[in-house]
Amino acid sequence: MKASELRNLTVEELRVRERDLVDEIFHLRLRRATAQLTNPTKLRESRRTLARVKTLLGERARAAQGVSAK
């Protein structure tokens, strides 16, 4: 998922996406360990998407703190 697509999601949707990605990465790691992973780039893509989601959540949290602190 592209960063521009993720920016259009709400905070709740981002949190749900984060949980889904963590679960997906867990299962991909298991498949890799048992040599059942057919597309190894899927793990890399999922990790990078998770990083994007966490970055957006952090940005929004800092923005919310900045607004409430003023």
C-alpha atoms as a PDB file:
ATOM      1  CA  MET A   1       0.000   0.000   0.000  1.00  0.00           C
ATOM      2  CA  LYS A   2       1.356   3.395  -0.930  1.00  0.00           C
ATOM      3  CA  ALA A   3       1.907   6.169   1.585  1.00  0.00           C
ATOM      4  CA  SER A   4      -0.587   8.384  -0.238  1.00  0.00           C
ATOM      5  CA  GLU A   5      -3.270   5.715   0.181  1.00  0.00           C
ATOM      6  CA  LEU A   6      -2.433   5.335   3.863  1.00  0.00           C
ATOM      7  CA  ARG A   7      -2.678   9.084   4.468  1.00  0.00           C
ATOM      8  CA  ASN A   8      -6.341   8.942   3.481  1.00  0.00           C
ATOM      9  CA  LEU A   9      -7.136   6.486   6.297  1.00  0.00           C
ATOM     10  CA  THR A  10      -8.357   7.500   9.733  1.00  0.00           C
ATOM     11  CA  VAL A  11      -6.386   6.761  12.904  1.00  0.00           C
ATOM     12  CA  GLU A  12      -8.676   3.831  13.732  1.00  0.00           C
ATOM     13  CA  GLU A  13      -8.256   2.373  10.271  1.00  0.00           C
ATOM     14  CA  LEU A  14      -4.482   2.751  10.595  1.00  0.00           C
ATOM     15  CA  ARG A  15      -4.511   0.916  13.927  1.00  0.00           C
ATOM     16  CA  VAL A  16      -6.520  -1.934  12.398  1.00  0.00           C
ATOM     17  CA  ARG A  17      -4.109  -2.047   9.450  1.00  0.00           C
ATOM     18  CA  GLU A  18      -1.178  -2.126  11.906  1.00  0.00           C
ATOM     19  CA  ARG A  19      -2.623  -5.131  13.750  1.00  0.00           C
ATOM     20  CA  ASP A  20      -3.310  -6.918  10.466  1.00  0.00           C
ATOM     21  CA  LEU A  21       0.235  -6.316   9.259  1.00  0.00           C
ATOM     22  CA  VAL A  22       1.806  -7.561  12.492  1.00  0.00           C
ATOM     23  CA  ASP A  23      -0.242 -10.744  12.191  1.00  0.00           C
ATOM     24  CA  GLU A  24       0.611 -11.110   8.504  1.00  0.00           C
ATOM     25  CA  ILE A  25       4.344 -10.668   9.168  1.00  0.00           C
ATOM     26  CA  PHE A  26       4.182 -13.302  11.896  1.00  0.00           C
ATOM     27  CA  HIS A  27       2.621 -15.825   9.528  1.00  0.00           C
ATOM     28  CA  LEU A  28       5.040 -14.952   6.733  1.00  0.00           C
ATOM     29  CA  ARG A  29       7.969 -15.544   9.077  1.00  0.00           C
ATOM     30  CA  LEU A  30       6.583 -18.942  10.006  1.00  0.00           C
ATOM     31  CA  ARG A  31       6.221 -19.854   6.355  1.00  0.00           C
ATOM     32  CA  ARG A  32       9.764 -18.683   5.652  1.00  0.00           C
ATOM     33  CA  ALA A  33      11.112 -20.785   8.524  1.00  0.00           C
ATOM     34  CA  THR A  34       9.375 -23.891   7.200  1.00  0.00           C
ATOM     35  CA  ALA A  35      10.412 -23.141   3.601  1.00  0.00           C
ATOM     36  CA  GLN A  36       6.791 -22.676   2.477  1.00  0.00           C
ATOM     37  CA  LEU A  37       7.096 -19.010   1.536  1.00  0.00           C
ATOM     38  CA  THR A  38       6.728 -18.800  -2.239  1.00  0.00           C
ATOM     39  CA  ASN A  39       7.218 -15.020  -2.552  1.00  0.00           C
ATOM     40  CA  PRO A  40       9.954 -13.761  -0.193  1.00  0.00           C
ATOM     41  CA  THR A  41       9.467 -10.151  -1.264  1.00  0.00           C
ATOM     42  CA  LYS A  42       6.019 -10.193   0.348  1.00  0.00           C
ATOM     43  CA  LEU A  43       7.688 -10.184   3.776  1.00  0.00           C
ATOM     44  CA  ARG A  44       9.765  -7.120   2.879  1.00  0.00           C
ATOM     45  CA  GLU A  45       6.735  -5.289   1.459  1.00  0.00           C
ATOM     46  CA  SER A  46       4.704  -6.036   4.590  1.00  0.00           C
ATOM     47  CA  ARG A  47       7.468  -4.810   6.893  1.00  0.00           C
ATOM     48  CA  ARG A  48       7.822  -1.590   4.930  1.00  0.00           C
ATOM     49  CA  THR A  49       4.076  -0.993   4.909  1.00  0.00           C
ATOM     50  CA  LEU A  50       4.021  -1.547   8.677  1.00  0.00           C
ATOM     51  CA  ALA A  51       6.776   1.047   9.046  1.00  0.00           C
ATOM     52  CA  ARG A  52       4.737   3.511   6.965  1.00  0.00           C
ATOM     53  CA  VAL A  53       1.661   2.918   9.117  1.00  0.00           C
ATOM     54  CA  LYS A  54       3.626   3.392  12.344  1.00  0.00           C
ATOM     55  CA  THR A  55       5.182   6.570  10.971  1.00  0.00           C
ATOM     56  CA  LEU A  56       1.780   8.018  10.126  1.00  0.00           C
ATOM     57  CA  LEU A  57       0.389   7.080  13.542  1.00  0.00           C
ATOM     58  CA  GLY A  58       3.343   8.776  15.204  1.00  0.00           C
ATOM     59  CA  GLU A  59       2.966  11.906  13.083  1.00  0.00           C
ATOM     60  CA  ARG A  60      -0.708  12.148  13.914  1.00  0.00           C
ATOM     61  CA  ALA A  61      -0.074  11.578  17.622  1.00  0.00           C
ATOM     62  CA  ARG A  62       2.535  14.346  17.679  1.00  0.00           C
ATOM     63  CA  ALA A  63       0.211  16.655  15.743  1.00  0.00           C
ATOM     64  CA  ALA A  64      -2.604  15.967  18.211  1.00  0.00           C
ATOM     65  CA  GLN A  65      -0.308  16.700  21.160  1.00  0.00           C
ATOM     66  CA  GLY A  66       0.835  19.907  19.537  1.00  0.00           C
ATOM     67  CA  VAL A  67      -2.734  21.071  19.044  1.00  0.00           C
ATOM     68  CA  SER A  68      -3.875  20.153  22.557  1.00  0.00           C
ATOM     69  CA  ALA A  69      -0.785  21.690  24.183  1.00  0.00           C
ATOM     70  CA  LYS A  70      -1.439  25.140  22.660  1.00  0.00           C
END
